Amino acid sequence: MSTAQAQASEQTVETNIPARLDRLPWSRWHWMIVFGLGTVWILDGLEVNLLGPRRFTVALRAALAQGRVRRTGRNRFEPVSGAGAA
């Protein structure tokens, strides 16, 4: 490799891209996206925390009624042997 090629590969490239990115316009559309995604994120968290346990209870009651699960104690359940998952 020649000296000119070695110097060319070791040169530092200076750019003003970060400064130009700071000057990009921030419009009403950007705020709508930010608030919309934040709202959906909050609603998704509420759905998981509020409706998740209810769905589990409904599924457990259905399994008990169908005989796929039996109660073995307080808050303890086990699958019934030989019962197929329908």
N, C-alpha and C. Protein backbone atom coordinates (compact mmCIF):
# COMPACT_ATOMS: atom_id res chain seq x y z
N MET A 1 0.85 -1.17 0.00
CA MET A 1 0.00 0.00 0.00
C MET A 1 0.90 1.23 0.00
N SER A 2 0.57 2.16 -0.83
CA SER A 2 1.40 3.37 -0.94
C SER A 2 1.08 4.32 0.19
N THR A 3 1.91 5.33 0.35
CA THR A 3 1.74 6.34 1.40
C THR A 3 0.46 7.14 1.19
N ALA A 4 0.12 7.45 -0.03
CA ALA A 4 -1.09 8.23 -0.32
C ALA A 4 -2.34 7.43 0.06
N GLN A 5 -2.34 6.14 -0.21
CA GLN A 5 -3.50 5.31 0.14
C GLN A 5 -3.62 5.17 1.65
N ALA A 6 -2.50 5.04 2.35
CA ALA A 6 -2.53 4.92 3.81
C ALA A 6 -3.07 6.20 4.44
N GLN A 7 -2.66 7.35 3.94
CA GLN A 7 -3.15 8.62 4.48
C GLN A 7 -4.63 8.80 4.19
N ALA A 8 -5.08 8.38 3.03
CA ALA A 8 -6.49 8.52 2.66
C ALA A 8 -7.39 7.66 3.54
N SER A 9 -6.93 6.48 3.92
CA SER A 9 -7.75 5.60 4.74
C SER A 9 -7.76 6.02 6.21
N GLU A 10 -6.78 6.82 6.65
CA GLU A 10 -6.71 7.24 8.04
C GLU A 10 -7.26 8.64 8.28
N GLN A 11 -7.81 9.29 7.27
CA GLN A 11 -8.33 10.64 7.44
C GLN A 11 -9.65 10.62 8.20
N THR A 12 -9.85 11.66 8.99
CA THR A 12 -11.09 11.82 9.73
C THR A 12 -12.10 12.56 8.86
N VAL A 13 -13.32 12.06 8.84
CA VAL A 13 -14.37 12.70 8.06
C VAL A 13 -15.19 13.57 9.01
N GLU A 14 -15.28 14.84 8.71
CA GLU A 14 -16.09 15.75 9.52
C GLU A 14 -17.40 16.01 8.79
N THR A 15 -18.49 16.05 9.56
CA THR A 15 -19.80 16.25 8.96
C THR A 15 -20.62 17.20 9.82
N ASN A 16 -21.64 17.77 9.23
CA ASN A 16 -22.54 18.64 9.98
C ASN A 16 -23.96 18.05 10.01
N ILE A 17 -24.06 16.73 9.85
CA ILE A 17 -25.37 16.08 9.85
C ILE A 17 -26.09 16.26 11.19
N PRO A 18 -25.46 16.07 12.37
CA PRO A 18 -26.20 16.28 13.62
C PRO A 18 -26.75 17.70 13.75
N ALA A 19 -26.02 18.68 13.30
CA ALA A 19 -26.52 20.05 13.37
C ALA A 19 -27.71 20.23 12.45
N ARG A 20 -27.70 19.59 11.31
CA ARG A 20 -28.83 19.70 10.39
C ARG A 20 -30.05 18.96 10.92
N LEU A 21 -29.84 17.84 11.61
CA LEU A 21 -30.96 17.09 12.17
C LEU A 21 -31.68 17.92 13.24
N ASP A 22 -30.93 18.71 14.00
CA ASP A 22 -31.55 19.56 15.02
C ASP A 22 -32.43 20.63 14.42
N ARG A 23 -32.18 21.00 13.19
CA ARG A 23 -32.97 22.06 12.56
C ARG A 23 -34.19 21.54 11.81
N LEU A 24 -34.42 20.22 11.80
CA LEU A 24 -35.58 19.69 11.11
C LEU A 24 -36.86 20.18 11.79
N PRO A 25 -37.90 20.47 11.04
CA PRO A 25 -39.13 20.99 11.63
C PRO A 25 -39.87 19.91 12.42
N TRP A 26 -40.51 20.32 13.51
CA TRP A 26 -41.33 19.45 14.35
C TRP A 26 -42.76 19.97 14.22
N SER A 27 -43.61 19.21 13.56
CA SER A 27 -44.93 19.72 13.23
C SER A 27 -46.01 19.10 14.12
N ARG A 28 -47.24 19.52 13.87
CA ARG A 28 -48.39 19.00 14.61
C ARG A 28 -48.53 17.49 14.39
N TRP A 29 -48.21 17.04 13.19
CA TRP A 29 -48.30 15.62 12.87
C TRP A 29 -47.39 14.81 13.80
N HIS A 30 -46.19 15.29 14.10
CA HIS A 30 -45.27 14.58 14.99
C HIS A 30 -45.86 14.48 16.40
N TRP A 31 -46.48 15.58 16.87
CA TRP A 31 -47.09 15.54 18.20
C TRP A 31 -48.25 14.54 18.24
N MET A 32 -49.03 14.46 17.17
CA MET A 32 -50.14 13.50 17.12
C MET A 32 -49.61 12.07 17.22
N ILE A 33 -48.52 11.79 16.53
CA ILE A 33 -47.94 10.45 16.58
C ILE A 33 -47.44 10.14 17.99
N VAL A 34 -46.74 11.08 18.61
CA VAL A 34 -46.19 10.87 19.96
C VAL A 34 -47.32 10.63 20.96
N PHE A 35 -48.34 11.48 20.95
CA PHE A 35 -49.44 11.32 21.91
C PHE A 35 -50.29 10.08 21.59
N GLY A 36 -50.46 9.78 20.32
CA GLY A 36 -51.21 8.59 19.95
C GLY A 36 -50.53 7.32 20.41
N LEU A 37 -49.24 7.21 20.18
CA LEU A 37 -48.50 6.03 20.63
C LEU A 37 -48.47 5.94 22.15
N GLY A 38 -48.33 7.07 22.82
CA GLY A 38 -48.35 7.06 24.28
C GLY A 38 -49.69 6.61 24.83
N THR A 39 -50.77 7.07 24.22
CA THR A 39 -52.11 6.67 24.66
C THR A 39 -52.32 5.17 24.47
N VAL A 40 -51.91 4.65 23.32
CA VAL A 40 -52.06 3.22 23.05
C VAL A 40 -51.21 2.41 24.02
N TRP A 41 -50.03 2.91 24.34
CA TRP A 41 -49.15 2.20 25.27
C TRP A 41 -49.80 2.11 26.65
N ILE A 42 -50.40 3.20 27.11
CA ILE A 42 -51.07 3.22 28.41
C ILE A 42 -52.28 2.29 28.40
N LEU A 43 -53.09 2.35 27.35
CA LEU A 43 -54.26 1.48 27.28
C LEU A 43 -53.87 0.00 27.22
N ASP A 44 -52.80 -0.32 26.54
CA ASP A 44 -52.33 -1.70 26.48
C ASP A 44 -51.90 -2.18 27.86
N GLY A 45 -51.22 -1.33 28.61
CA GLY A 45 -50.82 -1.71 29.97
C GLY A 45 -52.02 -1.91 30.87
N LEU A 46 -53.02 -1.05 30.75
CA LEU A 46 -54.23 -1.22 31.55
C LEU A 46 -54.96 -2.50 31.18
N GLU A 47 -55.02 -2.80 29.90
CA GLU A 47 -55.71 -4.01 29.46
C GLU A 47 -55.04 -5.25 30.04
N VAL A 48 -53.73 -5.29 30.02
CA VAL A 48 -53.01 -6.45 30.54
C VAL A 48 -53.23 -6.58 32.04
N ASN A 49 -53.19 -5.48 32.77
CA ASN A 49 -53.29 -5.54 34.22
C ASN A 49 -54.71 -5.68 34.74
N LEU A 50 -55.69 -5.16 34.01
CA LEU A 50 -57.07 -5.22 34.50
C LEU A 50 -57.85 -6.39 33.92
N LEU A 51 -57.68 -6.70 32.65
CA LEU A 51 -58.48 -7.74 32.04
C LEU A 51 -57.80 -9.10 32.04
N GLY A 52 -56.49 -9.14 32.16
CA GLY A 52 -55.77 -10.41 32.16
C GLY A 52 -56.22 -11.36 33.26
N PRO A 53 -56.27 -10.92 34.53
CA PRO A 53 -56.73 -11.82 35.59
C PRO A 53 -58.18 -12.26 35.40
N ARG A 54 -59.01 -11.40 34.85
CA ARG A 54 -60.42 -11.76 34.61
C ARG A 54 -60.51 -12.87 33.56
N ARG A 55 -59.72 -12.77 32.51
CA ARG A 55 -59.72 -13.80 31.48
C ARG A 55 -59.24 -15.13 32.05
N PHE A 56 -58.26 -15.10 32.93
CA PHE A 56 -57.79 -16.32 33.56
C PHE A 56 -58.90 -16.95 34.40
N THR A 57 -59.63 -16.14 35.15
CA THR A 57 -60.72 -16.65 35.98
C THR A 57 -61.81 -17.29 35.14
N VAL A 58 -62.17 -16.65 34.05
CA VAL A 58 -63.20 -17.21 33.16
C VAL A 58 -62.72 -18.54 32.57
N ALA A 59 -61.47 -18.61 32.13
CA ALA A 59 -60.94 -19.84 31.56
C ALA A 59 -60.86 -20.94 32.62
N LEU A 60 -60.50 -20.60 33.85
CA LEU A 60 -60.43 -21.60 34.92
C LEU A 60 -61.81 -22.12 35.26
N ARG A 61 -62.81 -21.25 35.33
CA ARG A 61 -64.17 -21.70 35.62
C ARG A 61 -64.69 -22.61 34.51
N ALA A 62 -64.37 -22.30 33.26
CA ALA A 62 -64.79 -23.16 32.15
C ALA A 62 -64.12 -24.52 32.25
N ALA A 63 -62.85 -24.56 32.59
CA ALA A 63 -62.14 -25.83 32.72
C ALA A 63 -62.69 -26.65 33.88
N LEU A 64 -63.05 -25.99 34.99
CA LEU A 64 -63.66 -26.70 36.11
C LEU A 64 -65.02 -27.28 35.71
N ALA A 65 -65.82 -26.50 34.98
CA ALA A 65 -67.15 -26.96 34.57
C ALA A 65 -67.05 -28.12 33.59
N GLN A 66 -66.04 -28.15 32.76
CA GLN A 66 -65.88 -29.23 31.78
C GLN A 66 -65.18 -30.44 32.38
N GLY A 67 -64.71 -30.35 33.59
CA GLY A 67 -64.06 -31.47 34.24
C GLY A 67 -62.61 -31.67 33.83
N ARG A 68 -62.00 -30.67 33.21
CA ARG A 68 -60.60 -30.80 32.81
C ARG A 68 -59.65 -30.46 33.96
N VAL A 69 -60.16 -29.80 34.99
CA VAL A 69 -59.34 -29.37 36.13
C VAL A 69 -60.15 -29.65 37.39
N ARG A 70 -59.45 -30.02 38.46
CA ARG A 70 -60.15 -30.19 39.74
C ARG A 70 -59.43 -29.39 40.82
N ARG A 71 -60.20 -29.00 41.81
CA ARG A 71 -59.67 -28.22 42.93
C ARG A 71 -59.07 -29.19 43.93
N THR A 72 -57.82 -28.94 44.34
CA THR A 72 -57.15 -29.81 45.30
C THR A 72 -56.92 -29.12 46.63
N GLY A 73 -57.32 -27.91 46.75
CA GLY A 73 -57.16 -27.15 47.98
C GLY A 73 -57.47 -25.70 47.69
N ARG A 74 -57.29 -24.90 48.70
CA ARG A 74 -57.55 -23.48 48.50
C ARG A 74 -56.54 -22.90 47.52
N ASN A 75 -57.05 -22.36 46.41
CA ASN A 75 -56.24 -21.76 45.36
C ASN A 75 -55.24 -22.74 44.73
N ARG A 76 -55.58 -24.03 44.76
CA ARG A 76 -54.72 -25.04 44.14
C ARG A 76 -55.58 -25.88 43.20
N PHE A 77 -55.10 -26.05 41.99
CA PHE A 77 -55.81 -26.80 40.98
C PHE A 77 -54.84 -27.73 40.28
N GLU A 78 -55.36 -28.85 39.77
CA GLU A 78 -54.52 -29.75 38.99
C GLU A 78 -55.35 -30.34 37.86
N PRO A 79 -54.70 -30.69 36.76
CA PRO A 79 -55.45 -31.28 35.65
C PRO A 79 -55.96 -32.67 36.02
N VAL A 80 -57.11 -33.01 35.50
CA VAL A 80 -57.68 -34.33 35.72
C VAL A 80 -57.01 -35.29 34.74
N SER A 81 -56.52 -36.42 35.24
CA SER A 81 -55.83 -37.36 34.36
C SER A 81 -56.83 -37.97 33.39
N GLY A 82 -56.43 -38.09 32.13
CA GLY A 82 -57.28 -38.66 31.11
C GLY A 82 -58.22 -37.67 30.46
N ALA A 83 -58.28 -36.46 30.97
CA ALA A 83 -59.16 -35.46 30.37
C ALA A 83 -58.41 -34.77 29.24
N GLY A 84 -58.93 -34.87 28.05
CA GLY A 84 -58.28 -34.24 26.91
C GLY A 84 -58.59 -32.75 26.86
N ALA A 85 -57.66 -31.99 26.36
CA ALA A 85 -57.89 -30.55 26.22
C ALA A 85 -58.77 -30.33 25.00
N ALA A 86 -59.96 -29.83 25.22
CA ALA A 86 -60.91 -29.65 24.12
C ALA A 86 -60.67 -28.36 23.40
